[in-house]
Protein backbone atom coordinates (compact mmCIF):
# COMPACT_ATOMS: atom_id res chain seq x y z
CA UNK A 1 -233.58 214.62 50.38
CA UNK A 2 -234.25 211.69 52.72
CA UNK A 3 -237.36 213.35 54.14
CA UNK A 4 -239.38 212.76 50.97
CA UNK A 5 -238.98 208.93 50.95
CA UNK A 6 -239.72 208.87 54.68
CA UNK A 7 -242.89 210.91 54.17
CA UNK A 8 -244.00 208.63 51.34
CA UNK A 9 -243.29 205.56 53.47
CA UNK A 10 -245.24 207.00 56.39
CA UNK A 11 -248.20 207.80 54.12
CA UNK A 12 -248.21 204.27 52.71
CA UNK A 13 -248.04 202.79 56.21
CA UNK A 14 -250.98 204.96 57.31
CA UNK A 15 -253.06 203.87 54.32
CA UNK A 16 -252.28 200.20 54.98
CA UNK A 17 -253.17 200.60 58.67
CA UNK A 18 -256.50 202.22 57.78
CA UNK A 19 -257.24 199.43 55.31
CA UNK A 20 -256.50 196.73 57.88
CA UNK A 21 -258.66 198.51 60.46
CA UNK A 22 -261.51 198.74 57.95
CA UNK A 23 -261.29 195.02 57.20
CA UNK A 24 -261.20 194.12 60.90
CA UNK A 25 -264.24 196.32 61.63
CA UNK A 26 -266.05 195.85 58.32
CA UNK A 27 -269.43 194.92 59.84
CA UNK A 28 -269.41 197.79 62.33
CA UNK A 29 -268.29 200.19 59.60
CA UNK A 30 -271.05 198.93 57.28
CA UNK A 31 -273.70 199.53 59.94
CA UNK A 32 -272.29 203.01 60.56
CA UNK A 33 -272.50 203.77 56.81
CA UNK A 34 -276.15 202.66 56.74
CA UNK A 35 -276.99 204.92 59.67
CA UNK A 36 -275.10 207.80 58.08
CA UNK A 37 -277.09 207.37 54.86
CA UNK A 38 -280.25 207.42 57.03
CA UNK A 39 -279.11 210.74 58.50
CA UNK A 40 -277.98 209.40 61.89
CA UNK A 41 -274.51 209.68 63.40
CA UNK A 42 -273.61 206.59 65.43
CA UNK A 43 -270.69 204.46 66.52
CA UNK A 44 -271.28 200.73 66.09
CA UNK A 45 -269.59 197.69 67.54
CA UNK A 46 -269.99 193.97 66.98
CA UNK A 47 -270.38 191.62 69.93
CA UNK A 48 -270.76 187.86 70.08
CA UNK A 49 -273.39 186.75 72.62
CA UNK A 50 -274.54 183.13 72.97
CA UNK A 51 -273.01 182.25 69.61
CA UNK A 52 -274.78 185.07 67.73
CA UNK A 53 -273.21 188.20 66.23
CA UNK A 54 -274.93 191.36 67.41
CA UNK A 55 -274.45 194.89 66.15
CA UNK A 56 -274.89 197.59 68.79
CA UNK A 57 -274.96 201.17 67.59
CA UNK A 58 -274.81 204.16 69.92
CA UNK A 59 -275.46 207.81 69.22
CA UNK A 60 -272.43 210.06 69.45
CA UNK A 61 -273.50 211.08 72.99
CA UNK A 62 -273.28 207.42 74.06
CA UNK A 63 -277.02 206.73 74.26
CA UNK A 64 -278.16 203.37 72.87
CA UNK A 65 -279.45 203.58 69.31
CA UNK A 66 -280.09 200.50 67.19
CA UNK A 67 -279.53 196.79 67.73
CA UNK A 68 -279.02 194.23 64.98
CA UNK A 69 -278.67 190.45 64.78
CA UNK A 70 -276.55 188.96 61.99
CA UNK A 71 -278.42 186.21 60.17
CA UNK A 72 -276.70 184.74 57.15
CA UNK A 73 -275.67 187.75 55.05
CA UNK A 74 -278.15 190.24 56.52
CA UNK A 75 -278.55 192.34 59.65
CA UNK A 76 -282.01 191.89 61.21
CA UNK A 77 -283.53 194.77 63.18
CA UNK A 78 -283.72 193.90 66.88
CA UNK A 79 -285.25 197.10 68.33
CA UNK A 80 -287.42 200.04 67.37
CA UNK A 81 -284.50 202.29 66.51
CA UNK A 82 -283.26 199.71 64.00
CA UNK A 83 -286.71 199.64 62.40
CA UNK A 84 -286.55 203.45 62.08
CA UNK A 85 -283.23 203.15 60.23
CA UNK A 86 -284.84 200.73 57.77
CA UNK A 87 -287.80 203.12 57.31
CA UNK A 88 -285.49 206.07 56.62
CA UNK A 89 -283.45 204.06 54.13
CA UNK A 90 -286.61 202.93 52.34
CA UNK A 91 -287.23 206.59 51.43
CA UNK A 92 -283.69 206.93 50.09
CA UNK A 93 -282.56 206.21 46.58
CA UNK A 94 -278.88 205.33 46.74
CA UNK A 95 -278.43 202.16 48.79
CA UNK A 96 -275.28 200.99 46.99
CA UNK A 97 -272.51 199.82 49.27
CA UNK A 98 -274.79 199.34 52.28
CA UNK A 99 -275.28 196.09 54.16
CA UNK A 100 -278.51 194.17 53.81
CA UNK A 101 -280.84 195.36 56.60
CA UNK A 102 -284.06 193.45 57.19
CA UNK A 103 -287.11 193.13 59.40
CA UNK A 104 -288.29 189.74 60.55
CA UNK A 105 -291.84 189.99 61.82
CA UNK A 106 -292.31 186.21 61.96
CA UNK A 107 -289.22 185.49 64.05
CA UNK A 108 -288.09 188.84 65.43
CA UNK A 109 -284.82 188.67 67.38
CA UNK A 110 -284.94 189.34 71.11
CA UNK A 111 -282.17 191.79 71.94
CA UNK A 112 -280.04 190.55 74.84
CA UNK A 113 -280.06 192.88 77.85
CA UNK A 114 -276.26 192.95 78.02
CA UNK A 115 -275.91 194.29 74.46
CA UNK A 116 -275.90 197.94 75.56
CA UNK A 117 -274.24 197.52 78.95
């Protein structure tokens, strides 16, 4: 009889833990969703370098994929792989729930060397 309340409590705790993790990693998760919608499987992380927030996404084999700079409410492509993600998404139809991904040809961000180290 006591096993059922314990199982329910454990399930609720797991859901809360997943929700907290999603909130803590919301930017990395959003970039991963955008890549997934573009047909690419990556793991993304967010790093602060020289006061800027950078998104670094790696393919599942660990190879560097795309780099992004956070400007205001958008992620700006910082390397060729990021531009390819934007191109793939431009052909898609359902972009709901994805972060704003942009190109900036006038003031393109220079990806820091240490981003993928």
